[in-house]
Amino acid sequence: MSPTIKKKSAAKKTVKKKVAKKKVATTKKKAVAKKAKKNSEKSSSLDITSEERWKMIAVTAYHKAEKRGFIPGDELRDWAESEKEIDKLLGG
């Protein structure tokens, strides 16, 4: 083999290594970003689903309505207050 061919093949190998390193770095960055996004999407430090949160709010709102004798007209206020209380309890 001539020296020119050796230089070209060595240069190709170097380029391939650099491309491979960039792919690994990009993949790692994406994995870290995905994990950070997943952690930030949690509604609280506890692992509860939105359905569980909704049920907690509903029970609290029911108890508020019960305390006021189920008199109609304040259902939305009961729900809003319950939602604030549950979110505060869950750390959100």
C-alpha atoms as a PDB file:
ATOM      1  CA  MET A   1       0.000   0.000   0.000  1.00  0.00           C
ATOM      2  CA  SER A   2       1.151   3.491  -0.730  1.00  0.00           C
ATOM      3  CA  PRO A   3       1.542   6.101   2.039  1.00  0.00           C
ATOM      4  CA  THR A   4      -1.330   8.131   0.526  1.00  0.00           C
ATOM      5  CA  ILE A   5      -3.809   5.250   0.868  1.00  0.00           C
ATOM      6  CA  LYS A   6      -2.701   4.603   4.462  1.00  0.00           C
ATOM      7  CA  LYS A   7      -3.256   8.273   5.333  1.00  0.00           C
ATOM      8  CA  LYS A   8      -6.735   8.275   3.770  1.00  0.00           C
ATOM      9  CA  SER A   9      -7.815   5.104   5.564  1.00  0.00           C
ATOM     10  CA  ALA A  10      -6.435   6.419   8.855  1.00  0.00           C
ATOM     11  CA  ALA A  11      -8.327   9.678   8.328  1.00  0.00           C
ATOM     12  CA  LYS A  12     -11.548   7.750   7.613  1.00  0.00           C
ATOM     13  CA  LYS A  13     -11.138   5.728  10.822  1.00  0.00           C
ATOM     14  CA  THR A  14     -10.596   8.922  12.821  1.00  0.00           C
ATOM     15  CA  VAL A  15     -13.733  10.479  11.333  1.00  0.00           C
ATOM     16  CA  LYS A  16     -15.743   7.332  12.064  1.00  0.00           C
ATOM     17  CA  LYS A  17     -14.543   7.346  15.680  1.00  0.00           C
ATOM     18  CA  LYS A  18     -15.496  11.013  16.079  1.00  0.00           C
ATOM     19  CA  VAL A  19     -18.949  10.384  14.613  1.00  0.00           C
ATOM     20  CA  ALA A  20     -19.447   7.395  16.912  1.00  0.00           C
ATOM     21  CA  LYS A  21     -18.422   9.464  19.950  1.00  0.00           C
ATOM     22  CA  LYS A  22     -20.853  12.234  18.959  1.00  0.00           C
ATOM     23  CA  LYS A  23     -23.675   9.697  18.627  1.00  0.00           C
ATOM     24  CA  VAL A  24     -22.951   8.315  22.100  1.00  0.00           C
ATOM     25  CA  ALA A  25     -22.789  11.810  23.596  1.00  0.00           C
ATOM     26  CA  THR A  26     -26.047  12.788  21.881  1.00  0.00           C
ATOM     27  CA  THR A  27     -27.758   9.624  23.074  1.00  0.00           C
ATOM     28  CA  LYS A  28     -26.600  10.262  26.645  1.00  0.00           C
ATOM     29  CA  LYS A  29     -27.805  13.869  26.506  1.00  0.00           C
ATOM     30  CA  LYS A  30     -31.199  12.732  25.228  1.00  0.00           C
ATOM     31  CA  ALA A  31     -31.495  10.143  27.999  1.00  0.00           C
ATOM     32  CA  VAL A  32     -30.633  12.706  30.671  1.00  0.00           C
ATOM     33  CA  ALA A  33     -33.086  15.222  29.202  1.00  0.00           C
ATOM     34  CA  LYS A  34     -35.825  12.577  29.020  1.00  0.00           C
ATOM     35  CA  LYS A  35     -35.276  11.619  32.654  1.00  0.00           C
ATOM     36  CA  ALA A  36     -35.321  15.264  33.755  1.00  0.00           C
ATOM     37  CA  LYS A  37     -38.542  15.856  31.827  1.00  0.00           C
ATOM     38  CA  LYS A  38     -40.147  12.795  33.396  1.00  0.00           C
ATOM     39  CA  ASN A  39     -39.171  13.980  36.887  1.00  0.00           C
ATOM     40  CA  SER A  40     -40.515  17.482  36.265  1.00  0.00           C
ATOM     41  CA  GLU A  41     -43.836  16.131  34.985  1.00  0.00           C
ATOM     42  CA  LYS A  42     -44.679  14.514  38.292  1.00  0.00           C
ATOM     43  CA  SER A  43     -47.395  16.427  40.063  1.00  0.00           C
ATOM     44  CA  SER A  44     -45.761  15.863  43.422  1.00  0.00           C
ATOM     45  CA  SER A  45     -43.012  14.054  45.241  1.00  0.00           C
ATOM     46  CA  LEU A  46     -45.422  11.148  45.797  1.00  0.00           C
ATOM     47  CA  ASP A  47     -46.149   8.636  43.078  1.00  0.00           C
ATOM     48  CA  ILE A  48     -49.890   9.077  42.652  1.00  0.00           C
ATOM     49  CA  THR A  49     -51.878   9.066  39.463  1.00  0.00           C
ATOM     50  CA  SER A  50     -54.165  11.854  38.335  1.00  0.00           C
ATOM     51  CA  GLU A  51     -57.087   9.507  38.988  1.00  0.00           C
ATOM     52  CA  GLU A  52     -55.994   9.012  42.612  1.00  0.00           C
ATOM     53  CA  ARG A  53     -55.611  12.770  43.023  1.00  0.00           C
ATOM     54  CA  TRP A  54     -59.094  13.307  41.579  1.00  0.00           C
ATOM     55  CA  LYS A  55     -60.572  10.776  44.024  1.00  0.00           C
ATOM     56  CA  MET A  56     -58.884  12.507  46.963  1.00  0.00           C
ATOM     57  CA  ILE A  57     -60.333  15.849  45.872  1.00  0.00           C
ATOM     58  CA  ALA A  58     -63.792  14.318  45.409  1.00  0.00           C
ATOM     59  CA  VAL A  59     -63.802  12.801  48.892  1.00  0.00           C
ATOM     60  CA  THR A  60     -62.662  16.058  50.454  1.00  0.00           C
ATOM     61  CA  ALA A  61     -65.314  18.029  48.541  1.00  0.00           C
ATOM     62  CA  TYR A  62     -67.956  15.509  49.662  1.00  0.00           C
ATOM     63  CA  HIS A  63     -66.999  16.023  53.298  1.00  0.00           C
ATOM     64  CA  LYS A  64     -67.171  19.795  52.871  1.00  0.00           C
ATOM     65  CA  ALA A  65     -70.662  19.483  51.382  1.00  0.00           C
ATOM     66  CA  GLU A  66     -71.667  17.144  54.197  1.00  0.00           C
ATOM     67  CA  LYS A  67     -70.525  19.672  56.813  1.00  0.00           C
ATOM     68  CA  ARG A  68     -72.734  22.363  55.290  1.00  0.00           C
ATOM     69  CA  GLY A  69     -75.740  20.004  55.099  1.00  0.00           C
ATOM     70  CA  PHE A  70     -75.567  19.388  51.333  1.00  0.00           C
ATOM     71  CA  ILE A  71     -77.226  22.732  50.676  1.00  0.00           C
ATOM     72  CA  PRO A  72     -76.936  23.324  46.923  1.00  0.00           C
ATOM     73  CA  GLY A  73     -75.049  26.211  45.400  1.00  0.00           C
ATOM     74  CA  ASP A  74     -71.515  25.889  46.791  1.00  0.00           C
ATOM     75  CA  GLU A  75     -70.353  22.757  44.998  1.00  0.00           C
ATOM     76  CA  LEU A  76     -67.747  24.539  42.880  1.00  0.00           C
ATOM     77  CA  ARG A  77     -66.337  26.331  45.894  1.00  0.00           C
ATOM     78  CA  ASP A  78     -66.148  23.007  47.775  1.00  0.00           C
ATOM     79  CA  TRP A  79     -64.260  21.480  44.836  1.00  0.00           C
ATOM     80  CA  ALA A  80     -61.874  24.413  44.416  1.00  0.00           C
ATOM     81  CA  GLU A  81     -61.046  24.519  48.126  1.00  0.00           C
ATOM     82  CA  SER A  82     -60.570  20.746  48.175  1.00  0.00           C
ATOM     83  CA  GLU A  83     -58.284  20.894  45.170  1.00  0.00           C
ATOM     84  CA  LYS A  84     -56.097  23.522  46.845  1.00  0.00           C
ATOM     85  CA  GLU A  85     -55.932  21.492  50.067  1.00  0.00           C
ATOM     86  CA  ILE A  86     -55.011  18.228  48.307  1.00  0.00           C
ATOM     87  CA  ASP A  87     -52.380  19.911  46.126  1.00  0.00           C
ATOM     88  CA  LYS A  88     -50.869  21.479  49.229  1.00  0.00           C
ATOM     89  CA  LEU A  89     -50.803  18.091  50.977  1.00  0.00           C
ATOM     90  CA  LEU A  90     -49.172  16.468  47.966  1.00  0.00           C
ATOM     91  CA  GLY A  91     -46.524  19.161  47.794  1.00  0.00           C
ATOM     92  CA  GLY A  92     -47.677  20.594  44.476  1.00  0.00           C
END
